[in-house]
Amino acid sequence: MVEHPEWLFKSFREAVNDCALHEISMQGYKFTWSRSKCKPNVVEENLDRAFGNSELMILFLDAQFSNLVVTISDHSPLLLKTIQPEVFIQKCKFRFDNKWLREPDFQN
């Protein structure tokens, strides 16, 4: 992993803070990009991250961000799984009341 000057990330961190974003932690191998794979001077970086605002984080409490390592590309494919909570809808029968026919705007 290469060390980068702090000033390179200042604007990015400010944007994340200004937008009140939270990072979704990644599962799997921590590096998402590499150069010179299978060689002695390999360079690996974590270039990719996933963020969401508070509403998204509450809606998708079980969101999973995974690094799917492959050997073909220098970039890893990433998968963001969002498991939306089940919404229970109570089923009820529609009932028609004849009194509604007497309403002045019923035909409209």
PDB file of N, CA and C in Angstrom:
ATOM      1  N   MET A   1       0.846  -1.181   0.000  1.00  0.00           N
ATOM      2  CA  MET A   1       0.000   0.000   0.000  1.00  0.00           C
ATOM      3  C   MET A   1       0.890   1.244   0.000  1.00  0.00           C
ATOM      4  N   VAL A   2       0.535   2.214  -0.808  1.00  0.00           N
ATOM      5  CA  VAL A   2       1.301   3.442  -0.938  1.00  0.00           C
ATOM      6  C   VAL A   2       0.713   4.501  -0.001  1.00  0.00           C
ATOM      7  N   GLU A   3       1.579   5.234   0.682  1.00  0.00           N
ATOM      8  CA  GLU A   3       1.124   6.333   1.534  1.00  0.00           C
ATOM      9  C   GLU A   3       0.836   7.551   0.659  1.00  0.00           C
ATOM     10  N   HIS A   4      -0.280   8.219   0.920  1.00  0.00           N
ATOM     11  CA  HIS A   4      -0.674   9.394   0.149  1.00  0.00           C
ATOM     12  C   HIS A   4      -0.695  10.614   1.063  1.00  0.00           C
ATOM     13  N   PRO A   5      -0.359  11.783   0.521  1.00  0.00           N
ATOM     14  CA  PRO A   5      -0.414  13.007   1.337  1.00  0.00           C
ATOM     15  C   PRO A   5      -1.844  13.281   1.805  1.00  0.00           C
ATOM     16  N   GLU A   6      -1.962  13.761   3.008  1.00  0.00           N
ATOM     17  CA  GLU A   6      -3.272  14.021   3.612  1.00  0.00           C
ATOM     18  C   GLU A   6      -4.091  15.026   2.801  1.00  0.00           C
ATOM     19  N   TRP A   7      -3.457  16.021   2.174  1.00  0.00           N
ATOM     20  CA  TRP A   7      -4.187  17.050   1.439  1.00  0.00           C
ATOM     21  C   TRP A   7      -4.954  16.485   0.253  1.00  0.00           C
ATOM     22  N   LEU A   8      -4.558  15.313  -0.264  1.00  0.00           N
ATOM     23  CA  LEU A   8      -5.267  14.712  -1.390  1.00  0.00           C
ATOM     24  C   LEU A   8      -6.705  14.332  -1.025  1.00  0.00           C
ATOM     25  N   PHE A   9      -6.943  14.028   0.230  1.00  0.00           N
ATOM     26  CA  PHE A   9      -8.247  13.523   0.666  1.00  0.00           C
ATOM     27  C   PHE A   9      -9.079  14.579   1.396  1.00  0.00           C
ATOM     28  N   LYS A  10      -8.524  15.768   1.593  1.00  0.00           N
ATOM     29  CA  LYS A  10      -9.214  16.790   2.375  1.00  0.00           C
ATOM     30  C   LYS A  10     -10.592  17.140   1.794  1.00  0.00           C
ATOM     31  N   SER A  11     -10.665  17.431   0.510  1.00  0.00           N
ATOM     32  CA  SER A  11     -11.945  17.801  -0.112  1.00  0.00           C
ATOM     33  C   SER A  11     -12.944  16.651  -0.058  1.00  0.00           C
ATOM     34  N   PHE A  12     -12.447  15.428  -0.274  1.00  0.00           N
ATOM     35  CA  PHE A  12     -13.334  14.270  -0.215  1.00  0.00           C
ATOM     36  C   PHE A  12     -13.926  14.122   1.188  1.00  0.00           C
ATOM     37  N   ARG A  13     -13.084  14.221   2.207  1.00  0.00           N
ATOM     38  CA  ARG A  13     -13.568  14.093   3.591  1.00  0.00           C
ATOM     39  C   ARG A  13     -14.554  15.209   3.935  1.00  0.00           C
ATOM     40  N   GLU A  14     -14.286  16.415   3.446  1.00  0.00           N
ATOM     41  CA  GLU A  14     -15.210  17.528   3.685  1.00  0.00           C
ATOM     42  C   GLU A  14     -16.563  17.269   3.035  1.00  0.00           C
ATOM     43  N   ALA A  15     -16.570  16.726   1.819  1.00  0.00           N
ATOM     44  CA  ALA A  15     -17.828  16.408   1.130  1.00  0.00           C
ATOM     45  C   ALA A  15     -18.606  15.338   1.880  1.00  0.00           C
ATOM     46  N   VAL A  16     -17.910  14.324   2.363  1.00  0.00           N
ATOM     47  CA  VAL A  16     -18.563  13.261   3.139  1.00  0.00           C
ATOM     48  C   VAL A  16     -19.186  13.851   4.397  1.00  0.00           C
ATOM     49  N   ASN A  17     -18.449  14.717   5.088  1.00  0.00           N
ATOM     50  CA  ASN A  17     -18.979  15.356   6.303  1.00  0.00           C
ATOM     51  C   ASN A  17     -20.135  16.298   5.984  1.00  0.00           C
ATOM     52  N   ASP A  18     -19.999  17.114   4.936  1.00  0.00           N
ATOM     53  CA  ASP A  18     -21.054  18.061   4.564  1.00  0.00           C
ATOM     54  C   ASP A  18     -22.362  17.353   4.209  1.00  0.00           C
ATOM     55  N   CYS A  19     -22.252  16.191   3.596  1.00  0.00           N
ATOM     56  CA  CYS A  19     -23.442  15.423   3.193  1.00  0.00           C
ATOM     57  C   CYS A  19     -23.917  14.469   4.289  1.00  0.00           C
ATOM     58  N   ALA A  20     -23.243  14.463   5.422  1.00  0.00           N
ATOM     59  CA  ALA A  20     -23.578  13.593   6.563  1.00  0.00           C
ATOM     60  C   ALA A  20     -23.663  12.134   6.136  1.00  0.00           C
ATOM     61  N   LEU A  21     -22.647  11.676   5.409  1.00  0.00           N
ATOM     62  CA  LEU A  21     -22.623  10.296   4.936  1.00  0.00           C
ATOM     63  C   LEU A  21     -21.891   9.402   5.926  1.00  0.00           C
ATOM     64  N   HIS A  22     -22.293   8.144   5.939  1.00  0.00           N
ATOM     65  CA  HIS A  22     -21.677   7.134   6.794  1.00  0.00           C
ATOM     66  C   HIS A  22     -21.140   6.032   5.891  1.00  0.00           C
ATOM     67  N   GLU A  23     -19.970   5.543   6.221  1.00  0.00           N
ATOM     68  CA  GLU A  23     -19.377   4.490   5.400  1.00  0.00           C
ATOM     69  C   GLU A  23     -20.000   3.139   5.749  1.00  0.00           C
ATOM     70  N   ILE A  24     -20.282   2.364   4.700  1.00  0.00           N
ATOM     71  CA  ILE A  24     -20.757   0.989   4.876  1.00  0.00           C
ATOM     72  C   ILE A  24     -19.508   0.119   4.847  1.00  0.00           C
ATOM     73  N   SER A  25     -19.267  -0.603   5.916  1.00  0.00           N
ATOM     74  CA  SER A  25     -18.021  -1.368   5.998  1.00  0.00           C
ATOM     75  C   SER A  25     -18.003  -2.494   4.963  1.00  0.00           C
ATOM     76  N   MET A  26     -16.819  -2.724   4.426  1.00  0.00           N
ATOM     77  CA  MET A  26     -16.637  -3.722   3.372  1.00  0.00           C
ATOM     78  C   MET A  26     -16.213  -5.052   3.979  1.00  0.00           C
ATOM     79  N   GLN A  27     -16.764  -6.121   3.450  1.00  0.00           N
ATOM     80  CA  GLN A  27     -16.391  -7.470   3.860  1.00  0.00           C
ATOM     81  C   GLN A  27     -15.494  -8.068   2.786  1.00  0.00           C
ATOM     82  N   GLY A  28     -14.650  -8.967   3.201  1.00  0.00           N
ATOM     83  CA  GLY A  28     -13.765  -9.616   2.247  1.00  0.00           C
ATOM     84  C   GLY A  28     -12.404  -8.961   2.231  1.00  0.00           C
ATOM     85  N   TYR A  29     -11.664  -9.222   1.172  1.00  0.00           N
ATOM     86  CA  TYR A  29     -10.306  -8.693   1.031  1.00  0.00           C
ATOM     87  C   TYR A  29     -10.333  -7.173   1.033  1.00  0.00           C
ATOM     88  N   LYS A  30      -9.432  -6.544   1.788  1.00  0.00           N
ATOM     89  CA  LYS A  30      -9.537  -5.095   2.002  1.00  0.00           C
ATOM     90  C   LYS A  30      -9.068  -4.239   0.834  1.00  0.00           C
ATOM     91  N   PHE A  31      -8.351  -4.784  -0.134  1.00  0.00           N
ATOM     92  CA  PHE A  31      -7.879  -4.011  -1.274  1.00  0.00           C
ATOM     93  C   PHE A  31      -8.768  -4.266  -2.491  1.00  0.00           C
ATOM     94  N   THR A  32      -9.116  -3.188  -3.210  1.00  0.00           N
ATOM     95  CA  THR A  32     -10.031  -3.311  -4.354  1.00  0.00           C
ATOM     96  C   THR A  32      -9.339  -3.074  -5.689  1.00  0.00           C
ATOM     97  N   TRP A  33      -8.061  -2.726  -5.662  1.00  0.00           N
ATOM     98  CA  TRP A  33      -7.293  -2.493  -6.885  1.00  0.00           C
ATOM     99  C   TRP A  33      -5.863  -2.959  -6.660  1.00  0.00           C
ATOM    100  N   SER A  34      -5.262  -3.503  -7.715  1.00  0.00           N
ATOM    101  CA  SER A  34      -3.855  -3.913  -7.596  1.00  0.00           C
ATOM    102  C   SER A  34      -3.139  -3.701  -8.924  1.00  0.00           C
ATOM    103  N   ARG A  35      -1.821  -3.510  -8.827  1.00  0.00           N
ATOM    104  CA  ARG A  35      -0.974  -3.383 -10.002  1.00  0.00           C
ATOM    105  C   ARG A  35       0.148  -4.401  -9.854  1.00  0.00           C
ATOM    106  N   SER A  36       0.485  -5.050 -10.934  1.00  0.00           N
ATOM    107  CA  SER A  36       1.564  -6.056 -10.957  1.00  0.00           C
ATOM    108  C   SER A  36       1.232  -7.261 -10.085  1.00  0.00           C
ATOM    109  N   LYS A  37       0.017  -7.777 -10.254  1.00  0.00           N
ATOM    110  CA  LYS A  37      -0.363  -8.990  -9.508  1.00  0.00           C
ATOM    111  C   LYS A  37       0.623 -10.114  -9.798  1.00  0.00           C
ATOM    112  N   CYS A  38       0.846 -10.916  -8.807  1.00  0.00           N
ATOM    113  CA  CYS A  38       1.714 -12.096  -8.914  1.00  0.00           C
ATOM    114  C   CYS A  38       3.168 -11.721  -9.234  1.00  0.00           C
ATOM    115  N   LYS A  39       3.578 -10.514  -8.904  1.00  0.00           N
ATOM    116  CA  LYS A  39       4.960 -10.082  -9.108  1.00  0.00           C
ATOM    117  C   LYS A  39       5.484  -9.540  -7.779  1.00  0.00           C
ATOM    118  N   PRO A  40       6.782  -9.488  -7.605  1.00  0.00           N
ATOM    119  CA  PRO A  40       7.332  -9.039  -6.318  1.00  0.00           C
ATOM    120  C   PRO A  40       6.999  -7.593  -5.944  1.00  0.00           C
ATOM    121  N   ASN A  41       6.800  -6.718  -6.919  1.00  0.00           N
ATOM    122  CA  ASN A  41       6.531  -5.307  -6.621  1.00  0.00           C
ATOM    123  C   ASN A  41       5.036  -4.970  -6.727  1.00  0.00           C
ATOM    124  N   VAL A  42       4.181  -5.834  -6.248  1.00  0.00           N
ATOM    125  CA  VAL A  42       2.738  -5.624  -6.318  1.00  0.00           C
ATOM    126  C   VAL A  42       2.345  -4.395  -5.485  1.00  0.00           C
ATOM    127  N   VAL A  43       1.413  -3.625  -6.021  1.00  0.00           N
ATOM    128  CA  VAL A  43       0.869  -2.459  -5.316  1.00  0.00           C
ATOM    129  C   VAL A  43      -0.632  -2.693  -5.183  1.00  0.00           C
ATOM    130  N   GLU A  44      -1.147  -2.568  -3.966  1.00  0.00           N
ATOM    131  CA  GLU A  44      -2.580  -2.760  -3.722  1.00  0.00           C
ATOM    132  C   GLU A  44      -3.136  -1.526  -3.024  1.00  0.00           C
ATOM    133  N   GLU A  45      -4.366  -1.169  -3.387  1.00  0.00           N
ATOM    134  CA  GLU A  45      -5.030  -0.001  -2.803  1.00  0.00           C
ATOM    135  C   GLU A  45      -6.492  -0.325  -2.549  1.00  0.00           C
ATOM    136  N   ASN A  46      -7.082   0.363  -1.591  1.00  0.00           N
ATOM    137  CA  ASN A  46      -8.523   0.306  -1.377  1.00  0.00           C
ATOM    138  C   ASN A  46      -9.098   1.586  -1.978  1.00  0.00           C
ATOM    139  N   LEU A  47      -9.446   1.537  -3.262  1.00  0.00           N
ATOM    140  CA  LEU A  47      -9.932   2.713  -3.970  1.00  0.00           C
ATOM    141  C   LEU A  47     -11.441   2.905  -3.847  1.00  0.00           C
ATOM    142  N   ASP A  48     -12.151   1.867  -3.516  1.00  0.00           N
ATOM    143  CA  ASP A  48     -13.616   1.898  -3.586  1.00  0.00           C
ATOM    144  C   ASP A  48     -14.232   1.794  -2.197  1.00  0.00           C
ATOM    145  N   ARG A  49     -15.237   2.625  -1.976  1.00  0.00           N
ATOM    146  CA  ARG A  49     -15.944   2.628  -0.701  1.00  0.00           C
ATOM    147  C   ARG A  49     -17.427   2.860  -0.975  1.00  0.00           C
ATOM    148  N   ALA A  50     -18.254   2.498  -0.034  1.00  0.00           N
ATOM    149  CA  ALA A  50     -19.696   2.723  -0.161  1.00  0.00           C
ATOM    150  C   ALA A  50     -20.158   3.582   1.010  1.00  0.00           C
ATOM    151  N   PHE A  51     -21.020   4.557   0.699  1.00  0.00           N
ATOM    152  CA  PHE A  51     -21.533   5.470   1.717  1.00  0.00           C
ATOM    153  C   PHE A  51     -23.047   5.574   1.603  1.00  0.00           C
ATOM    154  N   GLY A  52     -23.680   5.965   2.693  1.00  0.00           N
ATOM    155  CA  GLY A  52     -25.109   6.219   2.682  1.00  0.00           C
ATOM    156  C   GLY A  52     -25.443   7.270   3.720  1.00  0.00           C
ATOM    157  N   ASN A  53     -26.575   7.937   3.531  1.00  0.00           N
ATOM    158  CA  ASN A  53     -27.002   8.908   4.543  1.00  0.00           C
ATOM    159  C   ASN A  53     -27.746   8.175   5.665  1.00  0.00           C
ATOM    160  N   SER A  54     -28.140   8.893   6.689  1.00  0.00           N
ATOM    161  CA  SER A  54     -28.783   8.280   7.857  1.00  0.00           C
ATOM    162  C   SER A  54     -30.056   7.529   7.489  1.00  0.00           C
ATOM    163  N   GLU A  55     -30.851   8.115   6.573  1.00  0.00           N
ATOM    164  CA  GLU A  55     -32.109   7.477   6.186  1.00  0.00           C
ATOM    165  C   GLU A  55     -31.845   6.121   5.529  1.00  0.00           C
ATOM    166  N   LEU A  56     -30.854   6.064   4.647  1.00  0.00           N
ATOM    167  CA  LEU A  56     -30.528   4.805   3.985  1.00  0.00           C
ATOM    168  C   LEU A  56     -30.012   3.784   4.996  1.00  0.00           C
ATOM    169  N   MET A  57     -29.175   4.248   5.921  1.00  0.00           N
ATOM    170  CA  MET A  57     -28.597   3.337   6.910  1.00  0.00           C
ATOM    171  C   MET A  57     -29.678   2.751   7.822  1.00  0.00           C
ATOM    172  N   ILE A  58     -30.718   3.534   8.116  1.00  0.00           N
ATOM    173  CA  ILE A  58     -31.821   3.038   8.947  1.00  0.00           C
ATOM    174  C   ILE A  58     -32.707   2.100   8.135  1.00  0.00           C
ATOM    175  N   LEU A  59     -32.980   2.465   6.890  1.00  0.00           N
ATOM    176  CA  LEU A  59     -33.839   1.647   6.034  1.00  0.00           C
ATOM    177  C   LEU A  59     -33.199   0.297   5.724  1.00  0.00           C
ATOM    178  N   PHE A  60     -31.899   0.291   5.512  1.00  0.00           N
ATOM    179  CA  PHE A  60     -31.191  -0.940   5.169  1.00  0.00           C
ATOM    180  C   PHE A  60     -30.163  -1.268   6.255  1.00  0.00           C
ATOM    181  N   LEU A  61     -30.657  -1.632   7.425  1.00  0.00           N
ATOM    182  CA  LEU A  61     -29.775  -1.945   8.559  1.00  0.00           C
ATOM    183  C   LEU A  61     -28.824  -3.086   8.246  1.00  0.00           C
ATOM    184  N   ASP A  62     -29.264  -4.010   7.420  1.00  0.00           N
ATOM    185  CA  ASP A  62     -28.466  -5.200   7.121  1.00  0.00           C
ATOM    186  C   ASP A  62     -27.716  -5.087   5.796  1.00  0.00           C
ATOM    187  N   ALA A  63     -27.459  -3.875   5.327  1.00  0.00           N
ATOM    188  CA  ALA A  63     -26.736  -3.704   4.060  1.00  0.00           C
ATOM    189  C   ALA A  63     -25.354  -4.340   4.175  1.00  0.00           C
ATOM    190  N   GLN A  64     -24.951  -5.026   3.108  1.00  0.00           N
ATOM    191  CA  GLN A  64     -23.650  -5.692   3.080  1.00  0.00           C
ATOM    192  C   GLN A  64     -22.889  -5.241   1.838  1.00  0.00           C
ATOM    193  N   PHE A  65     -21.663  -4.807   2.033  1.00  0.00           N
ATOM    194  CA  PHE A  65     -20.794  -4.345   0.955  1.00  0.00           C
ATOM    195  C   PHE A  65     -19.636  -5.329   0.896  1.00  0.00           C
ATOM    196  N   SER A  66     -19.510  -6.038  -0.224  1.00  0.00           N
ATOM    197  CA  SER A  66     -18.520  -7.112  -0.318  1.00  0.00           C
ATOM    198  C   SER A  66     -17.564  -6.895  -1.479  1.00  0.00           C
ATOM    199  N   ASN A  67     -16.318  -7.280  -1.253  1.00  0.00           N
ATOM    200  CA  ASN A  67     -15.280  -7.278  -2.273  1.00  0.00           C
ATOM    201  C   ASN A  67     -15.224  -8.689  -2.843  1.00  0.00           C
ATOM    202  N   LEU A  68     -15.544  -8.817  -4.103  1.00  0.00           N
ATOM    203  CA  LEU A  68     -15.547 -10.124  -4.769  1.00  0.00           C
ATOM    204  C   LEU A  68     -14.253 -10.243  -5.576  1.00  0.00           C
ATOM    205  N   VAL A  69     -13.241 -10.796  -4.982  1.00  0.00           N
ATOM    206  CA  VAL A  69     -11.914 -10.845  -5.596  1.00  0.00           C
ATOM    207  C   VAL A  69     -11.924 -11.747  -6.825  1.00  0.00           C
ATOM    208  N   VAL A  70     -11.327 -11.249  -7.919  1.00  0.00           N
ATOM    209  CA  VAL A  70     -11.130 -12.030  -9.146  1.00  0.00           C
ATOM    210  C   VAL A  70      -9.686 -11.845  -9.597  1.00  0.00           C
ATOM    211  N   THR A  71      -9.209 -12.730 -10.419  1.00  0.00           N
ATOM    212  CA  THR A  71      -7.819 -12.641 -10.872  1.00  0.00           C
ATOM    213  C   THR A  71      -7.691 -12.043 -12.266  1.00  0.00           C
ATOM    214  N   ILE A  72      -8.775 -11.798 -12.961  1.00  0.00           N
ATOM    215  CA  ILE A  72      -8.747 -11.342 -14.350  1.00  0.00           C
ATOM    216  C   ILE A  72      -8.446  -9.846 -14.459  1.00  0.00           C
ATOM    217  N   SER A  73      -9.010  -9.032 -13.599  1.00  0.00           N
ATOM    218  CA  SER A  73      -8.906  -7.579 -13.708  1.00  0.00           C
ATOM    219  C   SER A  73      -8.050  -7.012 -12.586  1.00  0.00           C
ATOM    220  N   ASP A  74      -7.609  -5.763 -12.770  1.00  0.00           N
ATOM    221  CA  ASP A  74      -6.883  -5.106 -11.687  1.00  0.00           C
ATOM    222  C   ASP A  74      -7.843  -4.468 -10.674  1.00  0.00           C
ATOM    223  N   HIS A  75      -9.141  -4.403 -11.020  1.00  0.00           N
ATOM    224  CA  HIS A  75     -10.168  -3.911 -10.105  1.00  0.00           C
ATOM    225  C   HIS A  75     -11.037  -5.072  -9.643  1.00  0.00           C
ATOM    226  N   SER A  76     -11.384  -5.076  -8.381  1.00  0.00           N
ATOM    227  CA  SER A  76     -12.282  -6.106  -7.851  1.00  0.00           C
ATOM    228  C   SER A  76     -13.726  -5.701  -8.098  1.00  0.00           C
ATOM    229  N   PRO A  77     -14.574  -6.650  -8.464  1.00  0.00           N
ATOM    230  CA  PRO A  77     -15.999  -6.334  -8.521  1.00  0.00           C
ATOM    231  C   PRO A  77     -16.524  -6.184  -7.095  1.00  0.00           C
ATOM    232  N   LEU A  78     -17.447  -5.264  -6.915  1.00  0.00           N
ATOM    233  CA  LEU A  78     -18.000  -4.999  -5.593  1.00  0.00           C
ATOM    234  C   LEU A  78     -19.493  -5.242  -5.621  1.00  0.00           C
ATOM    235  N   LEU A  79     -20.019  -5.718  -4.513  1.00  0.00           N
ATOM    236  CA  LEU A  79     -21.439  -6.032  -4.428  1.00  0.00           C
ATOM    237  C   LEU A  79     -22.018  -5.346  -3.202  1.00  0.00           C
ATOM    238  N   LEU A  80     -23.062  -4.567  -3.416  1.00  0.00           N
ATOM    239  CA  LEU A  80     -23.791  -3.951  -2.307  1.00  0.00           C
ATOM    240  C   LEU A  80     -25.156  -4.607  -2.240  1.00  0.00           C
ATOM    241  N   LYS A  81     -25.364  -5.383  -1.198  1.00  0.00           N
ATOM    242  CA  LYS A  81     -26.656  -6.049  -0.993  1.00  0.00           C
ATOM    243  C   LYS A  81     -27.466  -5.236  -0.004  1.00  0.00           C
ATOM    244  N   THR A  82     -28.680  -4.904  -0.406  1.00  0.00           N
ATOM    245  CA  THR A  82     -29.588  -4.205   0.501  1.00  0.00           C
ATOM    246  C   THR A  82     -30.772  -5.110   0.751  1.00  0.00           C
ATOM    247  N   ILE A  83     -30.982  -5.420   1.981  1.00  0.00           N
ATOM    248  CA  ILE A  83     -32.085  -6.302   2.364  1.00  0.00           C
ATOM    249  C   ILE A  83     -33.131  -5.424   3.023  1.00  0.00           C
ATOM    250  N   GLN A  84     -34.150  -5.091   2.248  1.00  0.00           N
ATOM    251  CA  GLN A  84     -35.188  -4.195   2.764  1.00  0.00           C
ATOM    252  C   GLN A  84     -36.079  -4.957   3.740  1.00  0.00           C
ATOM    253  N   PRO A  85     -36.406  -4.328   4.856  1.00  0.00           N
ATOM    254  CA  PRO A  85     -37.281  -4.999   5.824  1.00  0.00           C
ATOM    255  C   PRO A  85     -38.650  -5.304   5.207  1.00  0.00           C
ATOM    256  N   GLU A  86     -39.207  -6.396   5.650  1.00  0.00           N
ATOM    257  CA  GLU A  86     -40.523  -6.788   5.136  1.00  0.00           C
ATOM    258  C   GLU A  86     -41.596  -5.856   5.682  1.00  0.00           C
ATOM    259  N   VAL A  87     -42.508  -5.499   4.825  1.00  0.00           N
ATOM    260  CA  VAL A  87     -43.632  -4.664   5.227  1.00  0.00           C
ATOM    261  C   VAL A  87     -44.864  -5.553   5.251  1.00  0.00           C
ATOM    262  N   PHE A  88     -45.518  -5.563   6.382  1.00  0.00           N
ATOM    263  CA  PHE A  88     -46.708  -6.394   6.516  1.00  0.00           C
ATOM    264  C   PHE A  88     -47.940  -5.557   6.239  1.00  0.00           C
ATOM    265  N   ILE A  89     -48.735  -6.026   5.281  1.00  0.00           N
ATOM    266  CA  ILE A  89     -49.968  -5.331   4.920  1.00  0.00           C
ATOM    267  C   ILE A  89     -51.134  -6.213   5.342  1.00  0.00           C
ATOM    268  N   GLN A  90     -51.986  -5.628   6.148  1.00  0.00           N
ATOM    269  CA  GLN A  90     -53.147  -6.377   6.596  1.00  0.00           C
ATOM    270  C   GLN A  90     -54.154  -6.433   5.459  1.00  0.00           C
ATOM    271  N   LYS A  91     -54.556  -7.634   5.111  1.00  0.00           N
ATOM    272  CA  LYS A  91     -55.533  -7.792   4.037  1.00  0.00           C
ATOM    273  C   LYS A  91     -56.932  -7.661   4.622  1.00  0.00           C
ATOM    274  N   CYS A  92     -57.744  -6.838   3.959  1.00  0.00           N
ATOM    275  CA  CYS A  92     -59.131  -6.708   4.391  1.00  0.00           C
ATOM    276  C   CYS A  92     -60.004  -6.652   3.141  1.00  0.00           C
ATOM    277  N   LYS A  93     -61.199  -7.086   3.287  1.00  0.00           N
ATOM    278  CA  LYS A  93     -62.135  -7.103   2.169  1.00  0.00           C
ATOM    279  C   LYS A  93     -62.729  -5.722   1.975  1.00  0.00           C
ATOM    280  N   PHE A  94     -62.928  -5.366   0.693  1.00  0.00           N
ATOM    281  CA  PHE A  94     -63.599  -4.126   0.383  1.00  0.00           C
ATOM    282  C   PHE A  94     -65.098  -4.337   0.559  1.00  0.00           C
ATOM    283  N   ARG A  95     -65.710  -3.424   1.250  1.00  0.00           N
ATOM    284  CA  ARG A  95     -67.155  -3.505   1.457  1.00  0.00           C
ATOM    285  C   ARG A  95     -67.791  -2.231   0.920  1.00  0.00           C
ATOM    286  N   PHE A  96     -68.875  -2.398   0.205  1.00  0.00           N
ATOM    287  CA  PHE A  96     -69.595  -1.262  -0.364  1.00  0.00           C
ATOM    288  C   PHE A  96     -70.837  -1.002   0.465  1.00  0.00           C
ATOM    289  N   ASP A  97     -71.024   0.255   0.823  1.00  0.00           N
ATOM    290  CA  ASP A  97     -72.198   0.634   1.608  1.00  0.00           C
ATOM    291  C   ASP A  97     -73.144   1.401   0.677  1.00  0.00           C
ATOM    292  N   ASN A  98     -74.391   0.973   0.584  1.00  0.00           N
ATOM    293  CA  ASN A  98     -75.364   1.600  -0.315  1.00  0.00           C
ATOM    294  C   ASN A  98     -75.606   3.074   0.008  1.00  0.00           C
ATOM    295  N   LYS A  99     -75.298   3.497   1.230  1.00  0.00           N
ATOM    296  CA  LYS A  99     -75.469   4.911   1.587  1.00  0.00           C
ATOM    297  C   LYS A  99     -74.590   5.800   0.708  1.00  0.00           C
ATOM    298  N   TRP A 100     -73.502   5.274   0.229  1.00  0.00           N
ATOM    299  CA  TRP A 100     -72.604   6.067  -0.608  1.00  0.00           C
ATOM    300  C   TRP A 100     -73.297   6.516  -1.903  1.00  0.00           C
ATOM    301  N   LEU A 101     -74.296   5.759  -2.359  1.00  0.00           N
ATOM    302  CA  LEU A 101     -75.017   6.111  -3.584  1.00  0.00           C
ATOM    303  C   LEU A 101     -75.773   7.430  -3.422  1.00  0.00           C
ATOM    304  N   ARG A 102     -76.110   7.805  -2.202  1.00  0.00           N
ATOM    305  CA  ARG A 102     -76.870   9.020  -1.950  1.00  0.00           C
ATOM    306  C   ARG A 102     -75.983  10.266  -1.837  1.00  0.00           C
ATOM    307  N   GLU A 103     -74.694  10.084  -1.858  1.00  0.00           N
ATOM    308  CA  GLU A 103     -73.779  11.228  -1.786  1.00  0.00           C
ATOM    309  C   GLU A 103     -73.879  12.038  -3.082  1.00  0.00           C
ATOM    310  N   PRO A 104     -73.915  13.370  -2.982  1.00  0.00           N
ATOM    311  CA  PRO A 104     -74.093  14.212  -4.183  1.00  0.00           C
ATOM    312  C   PRO A 104     -73.005  14.023  -5.244  1.00  0.00           C
ATOM    313  N   ASP A 105     -71.759  13.804  -4.832  1.00  0.00           N
ATOM    314  CA  ASP A 105     -70.648  13.660  -5.799  1.00  0.00           C
ATOM    315  C   ASP A 105     -70.319  12.207  -6.138  1.00  0.00           C
ATOM    316  N   PHE A 106     -71.190  11.308  -5.804  1.00  0.00           N
ATOM    317  CA  PHE A 106     -70.872   9.888  -6.009  1.00  0.00           C
ATOM    318  C   PHE A 106     -70.579   9.560  -7.470  1.00  0.00           C
ATOM    319  N   GLN A 107     -71.379  10.036  -8.398  1.00  0.00           N
ATOM    320  CA  GLN A 107     -71.201   9.720  -9.812  1.00  0.00           C
ATOM    321  C   GLN A 107     -69.883  10.251 -10.356  1.00  0.00           C
ATOM    322  N   ASN A 108     -69.430  11.401  -9.824  1.00  0.00           N
ATOM    323  CA  ASN A 108     -68.156  11.975 -10.275  1.00  0.00           C
ATOM    324  C   ASN A 108     -67.016  11.101  -9.826  1.00  0.00           C
TER     325      ASN A 108
END
